[in-house]
Amino acid sequence: MADPTQVDAADPSKKNSEILGPTSDEATVQMSDMEQTCFWNDMEYQQGHQLESDGKKYECSFGKWVPID
């Protein structure tokens, strides 16, 4: 996969998808709540897209940003 897109810190005055904290292997997703896109500072990103902000990396997963290593 390509390197993560470099972005500024999330601006609370703009549309941003939720950033999840650490999850267990047994975490579940409610199918009715699933979205395929995520937002970061009003920009829309597709499922699987990776971002990096302030040295932290995130991946868009069902409408939420998941921290990755």
PDB file of N, CA and C in Angstrom:
ATOM      1  N   MET A   1       0.843  -1.180   0.000  1.00  0.00           N
ATOM      2  CA  MET A   1       0.000   0.000   0.000  1.00  0.00           C
ATOM      3  C   MET A   1       0.887   1.242   0.000  1.00  0.00           C
ATOM      4  N   ALA A   2       0.409   2.306  -0.554  1.00  0.00           N
ATOM      5  CA  ALA A   2       1.143   3.562  -0.610  1.00  0.00           C
ATOM      6  C   ALA A   2       1.323   4.129   0.798  1.00  0.00           C
ATOM      7  N   ASP A   3       2.257   5.057   0.916  1.00  0.00           N
ATOM      8  CA  ASP A   3       2.470   5.708   2.203  1.00  0.00           C
ATOM      9  C   ASP A   3       1.204   6.453   2.614  1.00  0.00           C
ATOM     10  N   PRO A   4       0.963   6.563   3.938  1.00  0.00           N
ATOM     11  CA  PRO A   4      -0.224   7.285   4.407  1.00  0.00           C
ATOM     12  C   PRO A   4      -0.199   8.750   3.966  1.00  0.00           C
ATOM     13  N   THR A   5      -1.373   9.312   3.710  1.00  0.00           N
ATOM     14  CA  THR A   5      -1.515  10.720   3.368  1.00  0.00           C
ATOM     15  C   THR A   5      -1.203  11.559   4.599  1.00  0.00           C
ATOM     16  N   GLN A   6      -0.328  12.552   4.461  1.00  0.00           N
ATOM     17  CA  GLN A   6       0.003  13.450   5.566  1.00  0.00           C
ATOM     18  C   GLN A   6      -1.099  14.504   5.685  1.00  0.00           C
ATOM     19  N   VAL A   7      -1.638  14.667   6.899  1.00  0.00           N
ATOM     20  CA  VAL A   7      -2.708  15.636   7.128  1.00  0.00           C
ATOM     21  C   VAL A   7      -2.429  16.428   8.398  1.00  0.00           C
ATOM     22  N   ASP A   8      -3.074  17.593   8.513  1.00  0.00           N
ATOM     23  CA  ASP A   8      -3.003  18.382   9.738  1.00  0.00           C
ATOM     24  C   ASP A   8      -3.839  17.705  10.816  1.00  0.00           C
ATOM     25  N   ALA A   9      -3.649  18.122  12.046  1.00  0.00           N
ATOM     26  CA  ALA A   9      -4.456  17.599  13.148  1.00  0.00           C
ATOM     27  C   ALA A   9      -5.931  17.837  12.851  1.00  0.00           C
ATOM     28  N   ALA A  10      -6.781  16.958  13.361  1.00  0.00           N
ATOM     29  CA  ALA A  10      -8.223  17.092  13.149  1.00  0.00           C
ATOM     30  C   ALA A  10      -8.714  18.415  13.732  1.00  0.00           C
ATOM     31  N   ASP A  11      -9.434  19.168  12.924  1.00  0.00           N
ATOM     32  CA  ASP A  11      -9.996  20.454  13.323  1.00  0.00           C
ATOM     33  C   ASP A  11     -11.435  20.217  13.770  1.00  0.00           C
ATOM     34  N   PRO A  12     -11.741  20.455  15.053  1.00  0.00           N
ATOM     35  CA  PRO A  12     -13.095  20.174  15.543  1.00  0.00           C
ATOM     36  C   PRO A  12     -14.195  21.002  14.878  1.00  0.00           C
ATOM     37  N   SER A  13     -13.831  22.085  14.175  1.00  0.00           N
ATOM     38  CA  SER A  13     -14.846  22.889  13.489  1.00  0.00           C
ATOM     39  C   SER A  13     -15.204  22.301  12.126  1.00  0.00           C
ATOM     40  N   LYS A  14     -14.515  21.223  11.727  1.00  0.00           N
ATOM     41  CA  LYS A  14     -14.766  20.578  10.439  1.00  0.00           C
ATOM     42  C   LYS A  14     -15.297  19.167  10.660  1.00  0.00           C
ATOM     43  N   LYS A  15     -15.813  18.569   9.581  1.00  0.00           N
ATOM     44  CA  LYS A  15     -16.363  17.215   9.673  1.00  0.00           C
ATOM     45  C   LYS A  15     -15.229  16.205   9.797  1.00  0.00           C
ATOM     46  N   ASN A  16     -15.282  15.400  10.864  1.00  0.00           N
ATOM     47  CA  ASN A  16     -14.294  14.359  11.117  1.00  0.00           C
ATOM     48  C   ASN A  16     -15.007  13.109  11.593  1.00  0.00           C
ATOM     49  N   SER A  17     -14.582  11.962  11.104  1.00  0.00           N
ATOM     50  CA  SER A  17     -15.122  10.697  11.591  1.00  0.00           C
ATOM     51  C   SER A  17     -14.481  10.376  12.935  1.00  0.00           C
ATOM     52  N   GLU A  18     -15.156   9.552  13.705  1.00  0.00           N
ATOM     53  CA  GLU A  18     -14.668   9.150  15.021  1.00  0.00           C
ATOM     54  C   GLU A  18     -13.330   8.422  14.906  1.00  0.00           C
ATOM     55  N   ILE A  19     -12.433   8.705  15.853  1.00  0.00           N
ATOM     56  CA  ILE A  19     -11.168   7.982  15.960  1.00  0.00           C
ATOM     57  C   ILE A  19     -11.335   6.988  17.096  1.00  0.00           C
ATOM     58  N   LEU A  20     -11.182   5.713  16.772  1.00  0.00           N
ATOM     59  CA  LEU A  20     -11.359   4.677  17.776  1.00  0.00           C
ATOM     60  C   LEU A  20     -10.106   4.520  18.615  1.00  0.00           C
ATOM     61  N   GLY A  21     -10.313   4.085  19.858  1.00  0.00           N
ATOM     62  CA  GLY A  21      -9.195   3.748  20.726  1.00  0.00           C
ATOM     63  C   GLY A  21      -8.831   2.299  20.513  1.00  0.00           C
ATOM     64  N   PRO A  22      -7.938   1.768  21.357  1.00  0.00           N
ATOM     65  CA  PRO A  22      -7.566   0.350  21.237  1.00  0.00           C
ATOM     66  C   PRO A  22      -8.801  -0.541  21.359  1.00  0.00           C
ATOM     67  N   THR A  23      -8.844  -1.590  20.551  1.00  0.00           N
ATOM     68  CA  THR A  23      -9.972  -2.519  20.590  1.00  0.00           C
ATOM     69  C   THR A  23      -9.469  -3.933  20.795  1.00  0.00           C
ATOM     70  N   SER A  24     -10.347  -4.776  21.299  1.00  0.00           N
ATOM     71  CA  SER A  24      -9.983  -6.179  21.474  1.00  0.00           C
ATOM     72  C   SER A  24     -10.248  -6.928  20.178  1.00  0.00           C
ATOM     73  N   ASP A  25      -9.765  -8.155  20.113  1.00  0.00           N
ATOM     74  CA  ASP A  25     -10.004  -8.989  18.938  1.00  0.00           C
ATOM     75  C   ASP A  25     -11.476  -9.341  18.796  1.00  0.00           C
ATOM     76  N   GLU A  26     -12.255  -9.135  19.848  1.00  0.00           N
ATOM     77  CA  GLU A  26     -13.665  -9.495  19.826  1.00  0.00           C
ATOM     78  C   GLU A  26     -14.568  -8.293  19.574  1.00  0.00           C
ATOM     79  N   ALA A  27     -13.997  -7.184  19.125  1.00  0.00           N
ATOM     80  CA  ALA A  27     -14.800  -5.999  18.841  1.00  0.00           C
ATOM     81  C   ALA A  27     -15.799  -6.317  17.738  1.00  0.00           C
ATOM     82  N   THR A  28     -16.985  -5.734  17.839  1.00  0.00           N
ATOM     83  CA  THR A  28     -18.020  -5.983  16.843  1.00  0.00           C
ATOM     84  C   THR A  28     -18.412  -4.681  16.152  1.00  0.00           C
ATOM     85  N   VAL A  29     -18.982  -4.824  14.979  1.00  0.00           N
ATOM     86  CA  VAL A  29     -19.466  -3.690  14.198  1.00  0.00           C
ATOM     87  C   VAL A  29     -20.948  -3.901  13.962  1.00  0.00           C
ATOM     88  N   GLN A  30     -21.756  -2.877  14.257  1.00  0.00           N
ATOM     89  CA  GLN A  30     -23.178  -2.972  13.968  1.00  0.00           C
ATOM     90  C   GLN A  30     -23.367  -2.719  12.482  1.00  0.00           C
ATOM     91  N   MET A  31     -23.911  -3.701  11.792  1.00  0.00           N
ATOM     92  CA  MET A  31     -24.054  -3.603  10.343  1.00  0.00           C
ATOM     93  C   MET A  31     -24.884  -2.395   9.930  1.00  0.00           C
ATOM     94  N   SER A  32     -25.882  -2.010  10.732  1.00  0.00           N
ATOM     95  CA  SER A  32     -26.728  -0.879  10.364  1.00  0.00           C
ATOM     96  C   SER A  32     -25.980   0.450  10.463  1.00  0.00           C
ATOM     97  N   ASP A  33     -24.872   0.480  11.219  1.00  0.00           N
ATOM     98  CA  ASP A  33     -24.112   1.715  11.395  1.00  0.00           C
ATOM     99  C   ASP A  33     -22.921   1.826  10.453  1.00  0.00           C
ATOM    100  N   MET A  34     -22.724   0.821   9.610  1.00  0.00           N
ATOM    101  CA  MET A  34     -21.537   0.807   8.763  1.00  0.00           C
ATOM    102  C   MET A  34     -21.604   1.858   7.666  1.00  0.00           C
ATOM    103  N   GLU A  35     -20.537   2.607   7.541  1.00  0.00           N
ATOM    104  CA  GLU A  35     -20.348   3.531   6.433  1.00  0.00           C
ATOM    105  C   GLU A  35     -19.072   3.098   5.736  1.00  0.00           C
ATOM    106  N   GLN A  36     -18.954   3.406   4.487  1.00  0.00           N
ATOM    107  CA  GLN A  36     -17.776   2.995   3.742  1.00  0.00           C
ATOM    108  C   GLN A  36     -16.743   4.111   3.616  1.00  0.00           C
ATOM    109  N   THR A  37     -17.073   5.323   4.027  1.00  0.00           N
ATOM    110  CA  THR A  37     -16.133   6.432   3.906  1.00  0.00           C
ATOM    111  C   THR A  37     -15.883   7.072   5.265  1.00  0.00           C
ATOM    112  N   CYS A  38     -14.749   7.751   5.365  1.00  0.00           N
ATOM    113  CA  CYS A  38     -14.381   8.485   6.576  1.00  0.00           C
ATOM    114  C   CYS A  38     -14.120   9.941   6.190  1.00  0.00           C
ATOM    115  N   PHE A  39     -14.194  10.815   7.168  1.00  0.00           N
ATOM    116  CA  PHE A  39     -13.900  12.229   6.947  1.00  0.00           C
ATOM    117  C   PHE A  39     -12.779  12.680   7.871  1.00  0.00           C
ATOM    118  N   TRP A  40     -11.942  13.574   7.343  1.00  0.00           N
ATOM    119  CA  TRP A  40     -10.881  14.214   8.133  1.00  0.00           C
ATOM    120  C   TRP A  40     -10.796  15.644   7.636  1.00  0.00           C
ATOM    121  N   ASN A  41     -11.142  16.587   8.507  1.00  0.00           N
ATOM    122  CA  ASN A  41     -11.126  18.016   8.153  1.00  0.00           C
ATOM    123  C   ASN A  41     -11.889  18.295   6.856  1.00  0.00           C
ATOM    124  N   ASP A  42     -13.103  17.779   6.786  1.00  0.00           N
ATOM    125  CA  ASP A  42     -14.027  17.969   5.657  1.00  0.00           C
ATOM    126  C   ASP A  42     -13.634  17.218   4.385  1.00  0.00           C
ATOM    127  N   MET A  43     -12.540  16.468   4.409  1.00  0.00           N
ATOM    128  CA  MET A  43     -12.126  15.680   3.240  1.00  0.00           C
ATOM    129  C   MET A  43     -12.626  14.254   3.411  1.00  0.00           C
ATOM    130  N   GLU A  44     -13.171  13.686   2.327  1.00  0.00           N
ATOM    131  CA  GLU A  44     -13.718  12.326   2.367  1.00  0.00           C
ATOM    132  C   GLU A  44     -12.669  11.325   1.881  1.00  0.00           C
ATOM    133  N   TYR A  45     -12.557  10.210   2.600  1.00  0.00           N
ATOM    134  CA  TYR A  45     -11.605   9.151   2.256  1.00  0.00           C
ATOM    135  C   TYR A  45     -12.332   7.818   2.198  1.00  0.00           C
ATOM    136  N   GLN A  46     -11.875   6.951   1.314  1.00  0.00           N
ATOM    137  CA  GLN A  46     -12.509   5.655   1.100  1.00  0.00           C
ATOM    138  C   GLN A  46     -12.025   4.617   2.110  1.00  0.00           C
ATOM    139  N   GLN A  47     -12.820   3.568   2.239  1.00  0.00           N
ATOM    140  CA  GLN A  47     -12.490   2.418   3.079  1.00  0.00           C
ATOM    141  C   GLN A  47     -11.055   1.963   2.804  1.00  0.00           C
ATOM    142  N   GLY A  48     -10.245   1.779   3.854  1.00  0.00           N
ATOM    143  CA  GLY A  48      -8.881   1.299   3.716  1.00  0.00           C
ATOM    144  C   GLY A  48      -7.829   2.386   3.549  1.00  0.00           C
ATOM    145  N   HIS A  49      -8.270   3.639   3.321  1.00  0.00           N
ATOM    146  CA  HIS A  49      -7.301   4.727   3.145  1.00  0.00           C
ATOM    147  C   HIS A  49      -6.564   4.967   4.460  1.00  0.00           C
ATOM    148  N   GLN A  50      -5.282   5.278   4.366  1.00  0.00           N
ATOM    149  CA  GLN A  50      -4.476   5.537   5.551  1.00  0.00           C
ATOM    150  C   GLN A  50      -4.019   6.985   5.583  1.00  0.00           C
ATOM    151  N   LEU A  51      -4.042   7.554   6.815  1.00  0.00           N
ATOM    152  CA  LEU A  51      -3.591   8.923   7.053  1.00  0.00           C
ATOM    153  C   LEU A  51      -2.520   8.915   8.125  1.00  0.00           C
ATOM    154  N   GLU A  52      -1.725   9.984   8.138  1.00  0.00           N
ATOM    155  CA  GLU A  52      -0.783  10.197   9.238  1.00  0.00           C
ATOM    156  C   GLU A  52      -0.919  11.639   9.698  1.00  0.00           C
ATOM    157  N   SER A  53      -1.088  11.826  11.013  1.00  0.00           N
ATOM    158  CA  SER A  53      -1.220  13.147  11.605  1.00  0.00           C
ATOM    159  C   SER A  53      -0.452  13.165  12.918  1.00  0.00           C
ATOM    160  N   ASP A  54       0.441  14.120  13.062  1.00  0.00           N
ATOM    161  CA  ASP A  54       1.245  14.243  14.286  1.00  0.00           C
ATOM    162  C   ASP A  54       1.945  12.947  14.654  1.00  0.00           C
ATOM    163  N   GLY A  55       2.454  12.233  13.656  1.00  0.00           N
ATOM    164  CA  GLY A  55       3.200  11.009  13.905  1.00  0.00           C
ATOM    165  C   GLY A  55       2.357   9.784  14.190  1.00  0.00           C
ATOM    166  N   LYS A  56       1.025   9.922  14.151  1.00  0.00           N
ATOM    167  CA  LYS A  56       0.127   8.786  14.384  1.00  0.00           C
ATOM    168  C   LYS A  56      -0.530   8.399  13.067  1.00  0.00           C
ATOM    169  N   LYS A  57      -0.659   7.094  12.837  1.00  0.00           N
ATOM    170  CA  LYS A  57      -1.263   6.596  11.602  1.00  0.00           C
ATOM    171  C   LYS A  57      -2.644   6.024  11.891  1.00  0.00           C
ATOM    172  N   TYR A  58      -3.556   6.254  10.939  1.00  0.00           N
ATOM    173  CA  TYR A  58      -4.933   5.790  11.057  1.00  0.00           C
ATOM    174  C   TYR A  58      -5.374   5.178   9.736  1.00  0.00           C
ATOM    175  N   GLU A  59      -6.297   4.219   9.821  1.00  0.00           N
ATOM    176  CA  GLU A  59      -6.878   3.619   8.624  1.00  0.00           C
ATOM    177  C   GLU A  59      -8.390   3.746   8.698  1.00  0.00           C
ATOM    178  N   CYS A  60      -9.007   4.123   7.566  1.00  0.00           N
ATOM    179  CA  CYS A  60     -10.461   4.225   7.494  1.00  0.00           C
ATOM    180  C   CYS A  60     -11.053   2.819   7.480  1.00  0.00           C
ATOM    181  N   SER A  61     -11.889   2.541   8.458  1.00  0.00           N
ATOM    182  CA  SER A  61     -12.518   1.228   8.567  1.00  0.00           C
ATOM    183  C   SER A  61     -13.983   1.405   8.933  1.00  0.00           C
ATOM    184  N   PHE A  62     -14.859   1.185   7.962  1.00  0.00           N
ATOM    185  CA  PHE A  62     -16.305   1.276   8.166  1.00  0.00           C
ATOM    186  C   PHE A  62     -16.726   2.598   8.803  1.00  0.00           C
ATOM    187  N   GLY A  63     -16.194   3.699   8.267  1.00  0.00           N
ATOM    188  CA  GLY A  63     -16.618   5.027   8.693  1.00  0.00           C
ATOM    189  C   GLY A  63     -15.938   5.549   9.936  1.00  0.00           C
ATOM    190  N   LYS A  64     -14.935   4.842  10.450  1.00  0.00           N
ATOM    191  CA  LYS A  64     -14.215   5.281  11.641  1.00  0.00           C
ATOM    192  C   LYS A  64     -12.714   5.155  11.391  1.00  0.00           C
ATOM    193  N   TRP A  65     -11.938   5.997  12.049  1.00  0.00           N
ATOM    194  CA  TRP A  65     -10.484   5.933  11.940  1.00  0.00           C
ATOM    195  C   TRP A  65      -9.942   5.003  13.007  1.00  0.00           C
ATOM    196  N   VAL A  66      -9.170   4.005  12.582  1.00  0.00           N
ATOM    197  CA  VAL A  66      -8.591   3.019  13.490  1.00  0.00           C
ATOM    198  C   VAL A  66      -7.083   3.258  13.547  1.00  0.00           C
ATOM    199  N   PRO A  67      -6.522   3.447  14.755  1.00  0.00           N
ATOM    200  CA  PRO A  67      -5.067   3.620  14.860  1.00  0.00           C
ATOM    201  C   PRO A  67      -4.344   2.371  14.361  1.00  0.00           C
ATOM    202  N   ILE A  68      -3.254   2.574  13.620  1.00  0.00           N
ATOM    203  CA  ILE A  68      -2.441   1.452  13.143  1.00  0.00           C
ATOM    204  C   ILE A  68      -0.988   1.722  13.500  1.00  0.00           C
ATOM    205  N   ASP A  69      -0.179   0.681  13.478  1.00  0.00           N
ATOM    206  CA  ASP A  69       1.253   0.823  13.800  1.00  0.00           C
ATOM    207  C   ASP A  69       2.027   1.324  12.617  1.00  0.00           C
TER     208      ASP A  69
END
